[in-house]
Each structure stands twice: as C-alpha cells, then as structure tokens.
Amino acid sequence: MYNNFAEVKQAIASGSSVLDIVNTYLSEIERRKELNAFLEVFEDTVREQAKRVDEKIKSGTQGRLAGMVIGLKDNICFKGHKVSASSKILEGFESLYSATVVERLLMEDAVIIGRLNCDEFAMGSSNENSAFGPVKNVVNTSCVPGGSSGGSAVAVAAGLCTVALGSDTGGSIRQPASFTGTIGVKPTYGRVSRYGLIAYASSFDQIGPFTNSVEDAALVLEIIAGKDEYDTTASSRPVGEYTLSDTPSSRKIAVIREAANHEGVNEEVRAKFEQLIQQLTDAGHQVEEVSFPYMDQMVPTYYVLTTAEASSNLSRFDGVHYGHRSQVAEGVEQTYTKSRTEGFGPEVKRRIMAGTFVLSHGYYDAYYTKAQKVRRVLRDKTDEIFADFDFVLLPTTPDSAFELNAVSDPIQMYLQDIFTVHANHTGNPAISLPLGKKSDGMPFGIQLMANHFEEKSLLEFSDYLMKMN
C-alpha cells in the first residue's frame, strides 16, 4: 500500500512499474468493497493509462504526476466515463468532455482510477444521501465518513488511491477530511476552474484535493489551479509555485472566540485546540482571540443562498434535456414532475423546494436579498481580520464522526458545517489538518484559513503544524 506520492515515486525508482502500482490499488479496492467508496472502478482504462505512463518513464518524457493514482468525486466529469453526482436522475449518463482539473492532471501523467461515492448532488454532511448507499468510515465502519465528499476522503484514508478530488460548497472537503484523518484543501474561490464540475451552488463550489501529506496537496493544487477560458469565474492571477519551503519564524494567528468557546465543541476537541494554541505561542507565534459575532448567522445564510442556487442549477435535470425520464408520465407536465420526483432523493428535493421558496415572488427580498447582504458583512469582517493576521485557526468540526443513521434531523445535520461554511461565504482558502484523535480512536481535524490567494503560505504553515505534531 502507498500512503503518499513520495512512496509511489520510491517504488518506481526501485523498479516497480506504474501498472504494478495500479494493480496494487485495484486489489485493495476489491478487498475494501464494504466501504462503498467507489461507484465505479475504471479497470480497463486505468491500466491502459498506466502502460502509457510506463512508456513515458522509459523514454524520460514523463510528467510531474507520473504514477500518481487519482480518484474523482462523482460530480467531476471525465470524458467517455459515467458521471451521476450519486443520483438516480443521471444514472447511465456518460460525460462528453473532461473537467479542466482532469485534463490538467492527465497532462502531467496522473492516472484516473475511478469515480467516488458522494452525497447526491453534493448535498449532505454524512454521505448518507447517495442514491447508491452510504460510504463507511474506514477508521470505524459503523460511523459516517462525513460529506459530501465522503467517498473521496475514505479512498485516501484507506489507501485506495494516492490522491482524490472532491468539491467543497460549505465544508464538503474539510469536514470528511476531519472525520477520516486526512488532509483536505478548499482553495480560494476562483483559484481552480469549475468547468466540468456538476454545479450545486455556483458562487460557493470549489474543487480541491484529499491527500495524506501536505506536499501532495501542494503539488496537485499547483497543477489544477489557474485561469481557464471555459470558466469566467476562474481567476487570471498567476499561480506560482506551491512547493513547500521554510516557514518564517513568527506568524500572527487569529482564534475566533465564538468558535473556540462554542458550546457544541467536544471537550477532547477543545483540549487539543487549546494545546495547539499553547504550542504555537511557545514557538514564538503571536496568537490572539478575535470576535466574529456572526457565527449563528452563517449556517442559515448559507442555506438560503445555496438552496436558491441549487434550485436554479438543478432545473436542467428534468427528464427532457437529459437524465432519468419517467416511464409512466403522460404529457409534458407529468414528464417533468414524475421524472424529477422519481430521480431526486429526499434531501435534494428538500433543498430545491427551499431554494424555490426563497426565490419566489414576495419572499425574494425577505430571504435571498437579505442573505446576500449578510454575506457581504461576513466578507468585510473577515477581510478586516486578515488585515491584521496571517491565519485564522479554528476547529474543522465540533466533534469526530457520528454513527450511521444517528442524525435524522436536517437542522442538526446542517449544523455539522458550522465552522466550515465561513470560508465558502467569503471565498477564503482553508485546510483541515489531521491533528487530533479522541480517546475512542476517532480522528478530528484542526482548520486553518488564510487570506485570498495565499495558498502557498497556507500550505507551508500547514506543513509546519503537521511536523510540530
């Protein structure tokens, strides 16, 4: 088993072929089928890709990711392969093109091993909303892996691929990274192209990597980041090198008082968080508490805005343009209604209905317009903090992974995102680092957030924190 890309490169240097490495991963995927991390394994095409990369290695023309085996969340398009967003409504649909991130990975000779289970249309915090069954946490299979990118997190944690890509709308990379003991990065909004990502909430969504080392996260992010003519929201700001170097001796770190002292934070998580603050202070860093008095407004604002965008984005899945078409419908109206009723799961329906409501006549200003104003307040206050500090430190999640079927109330499920939605509202880059473990053995993450487009310093300081612990 290969824990990271450094181990893969070492194996290649010692005489293993990329095909050998791929076969090792394929065997492990078969052995750990009960985790339900993969919806489909591209056995034939991944072996073909591996053989081509082996030829390039022999001729010395290989790319920077030669031998890296990557899994894709099932909402990222790969030409000639199925993509379903873990929904019945897209069952059998084959992508006509590849996402920009996939093209960039393939250009550097990564090999794509399969598509990974997730909450349907990336809507969920536990990966229990997939039409193809829940993913199980590899650390404890009676627990959830987090969501919505639970399959991606588990695939990396279980050693089923070297790196996996997920998408993060309100914490969908960082929360499952916290629950599975992996590293999860949400880049600055616009740093990575969304072309080829099936949209949930377009002004929040970002693609990012799951890895077992900060070095791998830096390398993959450097390759997938950058402007893209197919995505007008992708920033044209140069990417530069994310390669890790020495961290400056002293940094200013803000701790959000309302997060650190939140009543929902588990005592063991709180103790680790306080220990880390003490370690940073002892190492000469300046750590200060700051107030961010909008903690209770963030989740409600998030669900007003994201459900509104989801209502709009998911209107295309109607049984007419493409997707599941009801066999019992008669006439156009019934085709729309029955196809969507049969094709979408309960959580997706709930969010479409909520979004349609907040966009409706008479409620638009009361909900949607007001939520946009709150989002601006959140952004301004966050910018104010980053005018004085290099990073913001907070827990990724209030607790470690909960048991499957343990949370049935939608509001309680939504509150799992209480510490992660901040970075999506404001567009800041954030990372979850596997720095904690409870007495029952379940991991949890600590989250670090940086100013816009400060991925390099975020990754370098993250590497420093990992080595410190």
Protein backbone atom coordinates (compact mmCIF):
# COMPACT_ATOMS: atom_id res chain seq x y z
CA MET A 1 0.00 0.00 0.00
CA TYR A 2 1.19 3.51 -0.82
CA ASN A 3 0.40 6.24 1.67
CA ASN A 4 1.54 9.19 -0.47
CA PHE A 5 3.18 10.17 -3.74
CA ALA A 6 6.68 10.06 -2.23
CA GLU A 7 6.18 6.34 -1.57
CA VAL A 8 4.88 5.83 -5.13
CA LYS A 9 7.95 7.57 -6.59
CA GLN A 10 10.20 5.49 -4.35
CA ALA A 11 8.55 2.30 -5.63
CA ILE A 12 9.07 3.40 -9.24
CA ALA A 13 12.72 4.23 -8.51
CA SER A 14 13.10 0.75 -7.01
CA GLY A 15 11.85 -0.91 -10.18
CA SER A 16 8.07 -1.10 -9.83
CA SER A 17 6.02 -0.09 -12.85
CA VAL A 18 3.02 2.24 -12.76
CA LEU A 19 0.97 -0.78 -13.82
CA ASP A 20 2.19 -2.65 -10.71
CA ILE A 21 1.15 0.31 -8.57
CA VAL A 22 -2.27 0.50 -10.23
CA ASN A 23 -2.79 -3.25 -9.73
CA THR A 24 -1.94 -2.89 -6.03
CA TYR A 25 -4.61 -0.19 -5.67
CA LEU A 26 -7.14 -2.26 -7.64
CA SER A 27 -6.60 -5.22 -5.31
CA GLU A 28 -7.05 -3.00 -2.28
CA ILE A 29 -10.27 -1.51 -3.70
CA GLU A 30 -11.64 -5.02 -4.20
CA ARG A 31 -10.60 -6.02 -0.68
CA ARG A 32 -12.31 -2.99 0.90
CA LYS A 33 -15.54 -3.08 -1.12
CA GLU A 34 -17.63 -2.90 2.04
CA LEU A 35 -16.59 0.75 2.46
CA ASN A 36 -18.66 1.62 -0.66
CA ALA A 37 -16.18 4.37 -1.54
CA PHE A 38 -16.13 3.69 -5.31
CA LEU A 39 -19.20 3.76 -7.52
CA GLU A 40 -17.16 2.59 -10.49
CA VAL A 41 -13.57 1.48 -10.99
CA PHE A 42 -12.09 2.20 -14.42
CA GLU A 43 -10.13 -1.06 -14.53
CA ASP A 44 -9.51 -1.17 -18.27
CA THR A 45 -8.75 2.49 -18.92
CA VAL A 46 -6.59 2.94 -15.82
CA ARG A 47 -4.39 0.01 -16.89
CA GLU A 48 -4.08 1.50 -20.39
CA GLN A 49 -3.12 4.85 -18.88
CA ALA A 50 -0.58 3.14 -16.63
CA LYS A 51 1.08 1.39 -19.56
CA ARG A 52 1.35 4.69 -21.47
CA VAL A 53 2.94 6.37 -18.44
CA ASP A 54 5.38 3.46 -18.08
CA GLU A 55 6.46 4.02 -21.69
CA LYS A 56 7.00 7.73 -20.97
CA ILE A 57 9.07 6.90 -17.88
CA LYS A 58 11.26 4.61 -20.01
CA SER A 59 11.83 7.41 -22.53
CA GLY A 60 12.30 10.06 -19.81
CA THR A 61 9.37 12.19 -21.00
CA GLN A 62 7.02 11.66 -18.05
CA GLY A 63 5.07 14.45 -16.36
CA ARG A 64 5.27 15.58 -12.74
CA LEU A 65 2.48 13.24 -11.59
CA ALA A 66 3.70 10.04 -13.27
CA GLY A 67 2.49 7.19 -11.09
CA MET A 68 0.01 9.21 -9.03
CA VAL A 69 -3.31 7.33 -8.91
CA ILE A 70 -6.30 9.65 -8.52
CA GLY A 71 -9.97 9.08 -7.71
CA LEU A 72 -12.66 11.56 -8.78
CA LYS A 73 -15.73 12.55 -6.81
CA ASP A 74 -18.76 11.55 -8.85
CA ASN A 75 -19.61 15.13 -9.78
CA ILE A 76 -16.40 15.76 -11.77
CA CYS A 77 -16.61 14.93 -15.48
CA PHE A 78 -14.18 12.56 -17.24
CA LYS A 79 -14.76 12.15 -20.98
CA GLY A 80 -16.08 8.74 -22.02
CA HIS A 81 -16.90 7.77 -18.43
CA LYS A 82 -20.12 7.86 -16.47
CA VAL A 83 -20.86 10.67 -14.02
CA SER A 84 -24.00 10.72 -11.89
CA ALA A 85 -23.48 13.02 -8.88
CA SER A 86 -24.60 9.89 -6.97
CA SER A 87 -28.14 10.47 -8.21
CA LYS A 88 -30.66 8.21 -9.97
CA ILE A 89 -31.59 11.12 -12.21
CA LEU A 90 -28.22 10.89 -14.00
CA GLU A 91 -27.93 7.10 -13.96
CA GLY A 92 -26.30 5.88 -17.16
CA PHE A 93 -25.18 9.34 -18.28
CA GLU A 94 -21.73 9.41 -19.89
CA SER A 95 -19.70 12.61 -19.94
CA LEU A 96 -18.94 14.15 -23.34
CA TYR A 97 -15.92 16.08 -22.07
CA SER A 98 -13.42 16.19 -19.20
CA ALA A 99 -13.31 18.79 -16.45
CA THR A 100 -10.40 21.22 -16.69
CA VAL A 101 -8.89 19.76 -13.50
CA VAL A 102 -8.96 16.27 -15.04
CA GLU A 103 -7.29 17.49 -18.25
CA ARG A 104 -4.52 19.15 -16.24
CA LEU A 105 -3.89 16.04 -14.14
CA LEU A 106 -3.76 13.81 -17.22
CA MET A 107 -1.32 16.19 -18.93
CA GLU A 108 1.08 15.57 -16.04
CA ASP A 109 0.60 11.78 -16.37
CA ALA A 110 -1.62 11.07 -13.38
CA VAL A 111 -3.86 8.05 -13.87
CA ILE A 112 -7.58 8.15 -13.01
CA ILE A 113 -8.78 5.01 -11.25
CA GLY A 114 -12.49 5.58 -10.77
CA ARG A 115 -15.39 7.67 -9.55
CA LEU A 116 -16.13 8.06 -5.88
CA ASN A 117 -19.38 7.98 -3.95
CA CYS A 118 -20.75 11.22 -2.51
CA ASP A 119 -23.93 12.77 -1.17
CA GLU A 120 -26.40 13.24 -4.03
CA PHE A 121 -25.50 16.43 -5.95
CA ALA A 122 -23.01 17.14 -3.13
CA MET A 123 -25.88 17.88 -0.72
CA GLY A 124 -25.09 16.42 2.69
CA SER A 125 -22.70 16.22 5.61
CA SER A 126 -22.55 12.46 6.14
CA ASN A 127 -22.53 10.72 2.73
CA GLU A 128 -25.80 9.02 3.69
CA ASN A 129 -27.71 10.84 0.90
CA SER A 130 -26.17 8.92 -2.01
CA ALA A 131 -28.63 7.03 -4.22
CA PHE A 132 -26.11 4.17 -4.13
CA GLY A 133 -25.86 3.70 -0.37
CA PRO A 134 -23.74 5.33 2.34
CA VAL A 135 -19.96 5.31 2.46
CA LYS A 136 -18.49 3.82 5.66
CA ASN A 137 -15.68 5.41 7.62
CA VAL A 138 -12.53 3.30 7.34
CA VAL A 139 -11.50 4.15 10.92
CA ASN A 140 -14.78 2.74 12.27
CA THR A 141 -17.22 1.29 9.74
CA SER A 142 -20.23 1.95 11.98
CA CYS A 143 -19.55 5.69 11.58
CA VAL A 144 -20.13 8.12 8.71
CA PRO A 145 -17.13 9.47 6.76
CA GLY A 146 -18.57 13.00 6.56
CA GLY A 147 -19.90 14.62 3.43
CA SER A 148 -20.47 15.39 0.81
CA SER A 149 -17.09 14.09 -0.47
CA GLY A 150 -17.11 11.05 1.81
CA GLY A 151 -16.02 8.56 -0.85
CA SER A 152 -13.02 10.73 -1.74
CA ALA A 153 -11.97 11.03 1.91
CA VAL A 154 -12.30 7.30 2.60
CA ALA A 155 -10.46 6.33 -0.61
CA VAL A 156 -7.41 8.32 0.52
CA ALA A 157 -7.66 7.27 4.18
CA ALA A 158 -7.96 3.59 3.23
CA GLY A 159 -5.12 3.68 0.67
CA LEU A 160 -7.39 3.00 -2.32
CA CYS A 161 -5.71 5.78 -4.36
CA THR A 162 -2.86 8.23 -3.82
CA VAL A 163 -4.99 11.39 -4.03
CA ALA A 164 -8.69 12.08 -4.55
CA LEU A 165 -10.51 15.17 -5.75
CA GLY A 166 -13.61 16.45 -4.01
CA SER A 167 -15.71 19.58 -4.13
CA ASP A 168 -16.34 21.96 -1.24
CA THR A 169 -19.51 24.08 -1.11
CA GLY A 170 -19.84 24.51 2.66
CA GLY A 171 -17.20 22.17 4.04
CA SER A 172 -17.61 19.12 1.80
CA ILE A 173 -13.84 18.56 1.59
CA ARG A 174 -12.73 19.72 5.03
CA GLN A 175 -15.45 18.04 7.11
CA PRO A 176 -14.89 14.50 5.71
CA ALA A 177 -11.12 15.10 5.93
CA SER A 178 -11.64 15.81 9.64
CA PHE A 179 -13.73 12.66 10.12
CA THR A 180 -11.28 10.34 8.31
CA GLY A 181 -7.89 11.70 9.42
CA THR A 182 -6.87 13.04 6.01
CA ILE A 183 -5.80 16.43 4.67
CA GLY A 184 -8.46 18.36 2.76
CA VAL A 185 -7.98 21.68 0.97
CA LYS A 186 -10.59 24.16 -0.20
CA PRO A 187 -8.81 26.70 -2.43
CA THR A 188 -9.68 30.38 -2.81
CA TYR A 189 -12.90 30.79 -4.79
CA GLY A 190 -11.81 31.12 -8.44
CA ARG A 191 -8.36 29.61 -7.90
CA VAL A 192 -9.43 26.31 -9.51
CA SER A 193 -11.68 26.07 -12.56
CA ARG A 194 -15.19 24.69 -12.00
CA TYR A 195 -15.57 23.70 -15.67
CA GLY A 196 -16.73 20.09 -15.67
CA LEU A 197 -17.96 20.16 -12.06
CA ILE A 198 -21.69 19.44 -11.81
CA ALA A 199 -22.94 22.58 -10.09
CA TYR A 200 -24.67 22.69 -6.73
CA ALA A 201 -24.19 26.34 -5.69
CA SER A 202 -22.02 28.10 -8.26
CA SER A 203 -20.84 31.01 -6.10
CA PHE A 204 -19.66 28.63 -3.35
CA ASP A 205 -18.36 25.46 -5.10
CA GLN A 206 -14.62 24.78 -5.32
CA ILE A 207 -12.68 21.66 -6.32
CA GLY A 208 -9.81 20.60 -4.08
CA PRO A 209 -7.65 17.59 -3.14
CA PHE A 210 -7.67 14.99 -0.37
CA THR A 211 -4.18 13.72 0.48
CA ASN A 212 -2.14 12.10 3.22
CA SER A 213 0.63 14.70 3.01
CA VAL A 214 0.72 18.47 2.66
CA GLU A 215 3.41 18.03 0.00
CA ASP A 216 0.97 16.10 -2.21
CA ALA A 217 -1.77 18.70 -1.66
CA ALA A 218 0.64 21.47 -2.72
CA LEU A 219 1.72 19.64 -5.87
CA VAL A 220 -1.80 18.72 -7.03
CA LEU A 221 -3.19 22.18 -6.26
CA GLU A 222 -0.38 23.87 -8.16
CA ILE A 223 -1.21 21.76 -11.23
CA ILE A 224 -5.01 22.15 -11.20
CA ALA A 225 -5.05 25.86 -10.28
CA GLY A 226 -5.02 28.77 -12.69
CA LYS A 227 -7.15 30.63 -15.19
CA ASP A 228 -9.36 28.78 -17.64
CA GLU A 229 -11.08 30.12 -20.73
CA TYR A 230 -14.03 27.79 -20.03
CA ASP A 231 -14.73 29.28 -16.59
CA THR A 232 -15.08 33.05 -16.38
CA THR A 233 -15.05 32.92 -12.57
CA ALA A 234 -11.57 31.34 -12.57
CA SER A 235 -9.00 33.95 -11.56
CA SER A 236 -6.33 35.02 -14.03
CA ARG A 237 -3.92 35.74 -11.17
CA PRO A 238 -0.68 33.74 -11.70
CA VAL A 239 -0.43 30.55 -9.63
CA GLY A 240 3.30 30.47 -8.94
CA GLU A 241 4.92 27.54 -7.17
CA TYR A 242 3.29 25.96 -4.15
CA THR A 243 6.37 23.84 -3.48
CA LEU A 244 6.99 23.87 0.24
CA SER A 245 9.93 25.82 1.68
CA ASP A 246 10.89 27.02 5.16
CA THR A 247 8.22 28.74 7.24
CA PRO A 248 9.06 32.21 8.61
CA SER A 249 9.70 32.07 12.33
CA SER A 250 6.81 34.17 13.56
CA ARG A 251 3.22 34.47 12.32
CA LYS A 252 0.13 36.27 13.59
CA ILE A 253 -2.75 33.87 14.12
CA ALA A 254 -6.32 34.81 14.99
CA VAL A 255 -8.52 32.47 17.00
CA ILE A 256 -12.23 33.15 16.62
CA ARG A 257 -13.60 33.39 20.15
CA GLU A 258 -17.11 32.31 19.19
CA ALA A 259 -15.75 29.11 17.59
CA ALA A 260 -13.21 28.23 20.28
CA ASN A 261 -15.78 28.70 23.04
CA HIS A 262 -18.77 27.27 21.18
CA GLU A 263 -20.92 25.08 23.44
CA GLY A 264 -21.18 22.38 20.77
CA VAL A 265 -17.43 21.67 20.70
CA ASN A 266 -16.49 18.30 22.19
CA GLU A 267 -14.21 18.58 25.25
CA GLU A 268 -11.43 16.46 23.71
CA VAL A 269 -11.51 18.59 20.54
CA ARG A 270 -11.39 21.72 22.69
CA ALA A 271 -8.45 20.38 24.72
CA LYS A 272 -6.44 19.62 21.56
CA PHE A 273 -7.26 23.03 20.13
CA GLU A 274 -6.06 24.77 23.30
CA GLN A 275 -2.92 22.61 23.36
CA LEU A 276 -2.12 23.64 19.78
CA ILE A 277 -2.56 27.33 20.65
CA GLN A 278 -0.11 26.86 23.54
CA GLN A 279 2.39 25.10 21.26
CA LEU A 280 2.22 27.95 18.75
CA THR A 281 2.66 30.56 21.48
CA ASP A 282 5.63 28.66 22.94
CA ALA A 283 7.17 28.52 19.45
CA GLY A 284 7.11 32.32 19.22
CA HIS A 285 3.97 32.87 17.16
CA GLN A 286 1.51 35.59 18.09
CA VAL A 287 -1.89 34.03 18.79
CA GLU A 288 -4.80 36.31 19.68
CA GLU A 289 -8.52 35.85 20.15
CA VAL A 290 -10.76 37.92 17.90
CA SER A 291 -14.51 38.27 17.87
CA PHE A 292 -16.57 37.16 14.89
CA PRO A 293 -20.10 37.80 16.15
CA TYR A 294 -21.90 36.23 13.19
CA MET A 295 -21.37 32.54 13.98
CA ASP A 296 -25.09 31.87 14.43
CA GLN A 297 -26.00 33.65 11.18
CA MET A 298 -23.58 31.78 8.92
CA VAL A 299 -25.38 28.44 8.54
CA PRO A 300 -28.88 29.93 7.96
CA THR A 301 -27.44 32.43 5.44
CA TYR A 302 -25.58 29.59 3.71
CA TYR A 303 -28.72 27.51 3.31
CA VAL A 304 -30.76 30.41 1.94
CA LEU A 305 -28.15 31.20 -0.71
CA THR A 306 -27.07 27.67 -1.65
CA THR A 307 -30.60 26.28 -1.92
CA ALA A 308 -31.54 29.23 -4.14
CA GLU A 309 -28.59 28.48 -6.43
CA ALA A 310 -29.37 24.75 -6.32
CA SER A 311 -32.99 25.39 -7.35
CA SER A 312 -31.70 27.22 -10.42
CA ASN A 313 -28.83 24.86 -11.25
CA LEU A 314 -30.82 21.65 -10.90
CA SER A 315 -33.74 22.85 -13.04
CA ARG A 316 -31.92 21.41 -16.09
CA PHE A 317 -32.36 17.85 -14.77
CA ASP A 318 -35.92 17.42 -15.97
CA GLY A 319 -36.20 14.19 -17.95
CA VAL A 320 -36.41 16.14 -21.21
CA HIS A 321 -32.98 17.67 -21.80
CA TYR A 322 -31.20 14.67 -20.25
CA GLY A 323 -31.37 12.45 -17.20
CA HIS A 324 -33.92 9.95 -15.95
CA ARG A 325 -37.28 10.07 -17.75
CA SER A 326 -40.34 8.59 -16.05
CA GLN A 327 -41.87 5.62 -17.88
CA VAL A 328 -45.36 6.30 -16.52
CA ALA A 329 -45.64 10.02 -17.34
CA GLU A 330 -48.17 11.28 -19.85
CA GLY A 331 -47.65 14.68 -21.41
CA VAL A 332 -45.02 17.35 -20.84
CA GLU A 333 -46.01 18.48 -17.34
CA GLN A 334 -46.18 14.94 -15.99
CA THR A 335 -42.83 14.14 -17.60
CA TYR A 336 -41.19 16.99 -15.69
CA THR A 337 -42.94 16.25 -12.42
CA LYS A 338 -42.65 12.46 -12.34
CA SER A 339 -39.10 12.34 -13.73
CA ARG A 340 -37.83 14.72 -11.04
CA THR A 341 -39.90 13.03 -8.31
CA GLU A 342 -38.50 9.61 -9.20
CA GLY A 343 -34.96 10.81 -9.95
CA PHE A 344 -34.12 13.03 -6.98
CA GLY A 345 -33.65 11.84 -3.39
CA PRO A 346 -35.35 13.45 -0.36
CA GLU A 347 -32.53 15.83 0.64
CA VAL A 348 -32.14 17.19 -2.90
CA LYS A 349 -35.91 17.69 -3.12
CA ARG A 350 -35.88 19.47 0.24
CA ARG A 351 -33.20 21.90 -0.91
CA ILE A 352 -34.79 22.53 -4.32
CA MET A 353 -38.10 23.33 -2.61
CA ALA A 354 -36.43 25.61 -0.06
CA GLY A 355 -34.50 27.40 -2.81
CA THR A 356 -37.56 27.82 -4.99
CA PHE A 357 -39.38 29.30 -1.99
CA VAL A 358 -36.69 31.91 -1.14
CA LEU A 359 -36.58 32.99 -4.80
CA SER A 360 -40.36 33.25 -5.15
CA HIS A 361 -42.33 36.47 -5.52
CA GLY A 362 -42.91 38.13 -2.15
CA TYR A 363 -40.07 36.29 -0.42
CA TYR A 364 -37.08 37.15 -2.62
CA ASP A 365 -36.20 40.37 -0.77
CA ALA A 366 -37.03 38.96 2.65
CA TYR A 367 -34.71 35.98 2.26
CA TYR A 368 -32.41 35.93 -0.77
CA THR A 369 -31.57 39.66 -0.93
CA LYS A 370 -31.11 39.85 2.82
CA ALA A 371 -28.83 36.78 2.81
CA GLN A 372 -26.66 38.41 0.14
CA LYS A 373 -26.30 41.47 2.38
CA VAL A 374 -25.32 39.27 5.32
CA ARG A 375 -22.74 37.54 3.11
CA ARG A 376 -21.18 40.93 2.35
CA VAL A 377 -20.99 41.68 6.10
CA LEU A 378 -19.24 38.31 6.64
CA ARG A 379 -16.75 39.07 3.86
CA ASP A 380 -15.99 42.58 5.17
CA LYS A 381 -15.44 41.36 8.74
CA THR A 382 -13.18 38.54 7.52
CA ASP A 383 -11.13 40.95 5.40
CA GLU A 384 -10.79 43.14 8.48
CA ILE A 385 -9.31 40.19 10.42
CA PHE A 386 -6.87 39.36 7.63
CA ALA A 387 -5.69 42.97 7.52
CA ASP A 388 -4.03 42.22 10.89
CA PHE A 389 -3.43 38.46 10.86
CA ASP A 390 -1.80 35.86 8.62
CA PHE A 391 -4.14 32.99 9.52
CA VAL A 392 -7.34 32.12 11.32
CA LEU A 393 -7.28 28.95 13.41
CA LEU A 394 -10.47 27.09 14.39
CA PRO A 395 -11.78 23.53 14.74
CA THR A 396 -12.84 21.90 11.47
CA THR A 397 -15.79 20.15 13.11
CA PRO A 398 -17.29 20.36 16.61
CA ASP A 399 -16.74 16.63 17.13
CA SER A 400 -15.46 13.48 15.43
CA ALA A 401 -17.58 11.27 13.14
CA PHE A 402 -21.02 10.25 14.37
CA GLU A 403 -22.62 6.84 13.81
CA LEU A 404 -24.54 5.97 10.67
CA ASN A 405 -28.24 6.96 10.95
CA ALA A 406 -27.53 8.81 14.22
CA VAL A 407 -28.58 12.25 12.93
CA SER A 408 -32.06 12.32 11.41
CA ASP A 409 -32.98 15.97 11.98
CA PRO A 410 -31.98 18.06 8.91
CA ILE A 411 -31.16 21.12 11.05
CA GLN A 412 -28.78 19.11 13.25
CA MET A 413 -27.14 17.76 10.09
CA TYR A 414 -26.77 21.27 8.65
CA LEU A 415 -25.07 22.44 11.87
CA GLN A 416 -22.23 19.98 11.18
CA ASP A 417 -20.94 22.71 8.85
CA ILE A 418 -20.88 25.46 11.47
CA PHE A 419 -17.09 26.02 11.32
CA THR A 420 -16.56 25.28 7.62
CA VAL A 421 -19.17 27.46 5.86
CA HIS A 422 -17.24 30.61 6.80
CA ALA A 423 -14.55 30.11 4.15
CA ASN A 424 -17.17 29.40 1.46
CA HIS A 425 -19.17 32.53 2.25
CA THR A 426 -16.06 34.68 1.99
CA GLY A 427 -14.12 32.76 -0.67
CA ASN A 428 -11.03 32.29 1.51
CA PRO A 429 -8.74 29.26 1.18
CA ALA A 430 -8.91 26.79 4.08
CA ILE A 431 -7.43 23.43 5.01
CA SER A 432 -8.29 20.70 7.50
CA LEU A 433 -5.29 19.02 9.10
CA PRO A 434 -5.50 15.63 10.91
CA LEU A 435 -4.01 16.87 14.17
CA GLY A 436 -6.35 15.29 16.70
CA LYS A 437 -7.57 11.90 17.87
CA LYS A 438 -10.12 11.24 20.58
CA SER A 439 -9.74 8.61 23.30
CA ASP A 440 -12.01 6.28 21.27
CA GLY A 441 -9.52 6.43 18.36
CA MET A 442 -11.66 8.62 16.09
CA PRO A 443 -9.73 11.40 14.31
CA PHE A 444 -10.69 15.06 14.04
CA GLY A 445 -9.19 17.98 12.19
CA ILE A 446 -7.99 21.47 13.02
CA GLN A 447 -8.77 24.08 10.38
CA LEU A 448 -6.52 26.86 9.12
CA MET A 449 -7.84 29.68 6.95
CA ALA A 450 -5.76 32.27 5.03
CA ASN A 451 -6.30 35.43 3.03
CA HIS A 452 -7.43 35.18 -0.60
CA PHE A 453 -4.87 33.54 -2.93
CA GLU A 454 -2.46 32.85 -0.05
CA GLU A 455 -2.44 29.10 -0.74
CA LYS A 456 1.36 28.90 -0.68
CA SER A 457 1.71 30.35 2.82
CA LEU A 458 -1.32 28.32 3.98
CA LEU A 459 0.27 25.09 2.78
CA GLU A 460 3.69 25.93 4.19
CA PHE A 461 2.30 26.74 7.62
CA SER A 462 0.14 23.60 7.46
CA ASP A 463 3.26 21.51 6.82
CA TYR A 464 4.89 23.22 9.81
CA LEU A 465 1.89 22.35 12.03
CA MET A 466 1.93 18.73 10.87
CA LYS A 467 5.62 18.41 11.71
CA MET A 468 5.09 20.16 15.06
CA ASN A 469 2.57 17.48 16.00
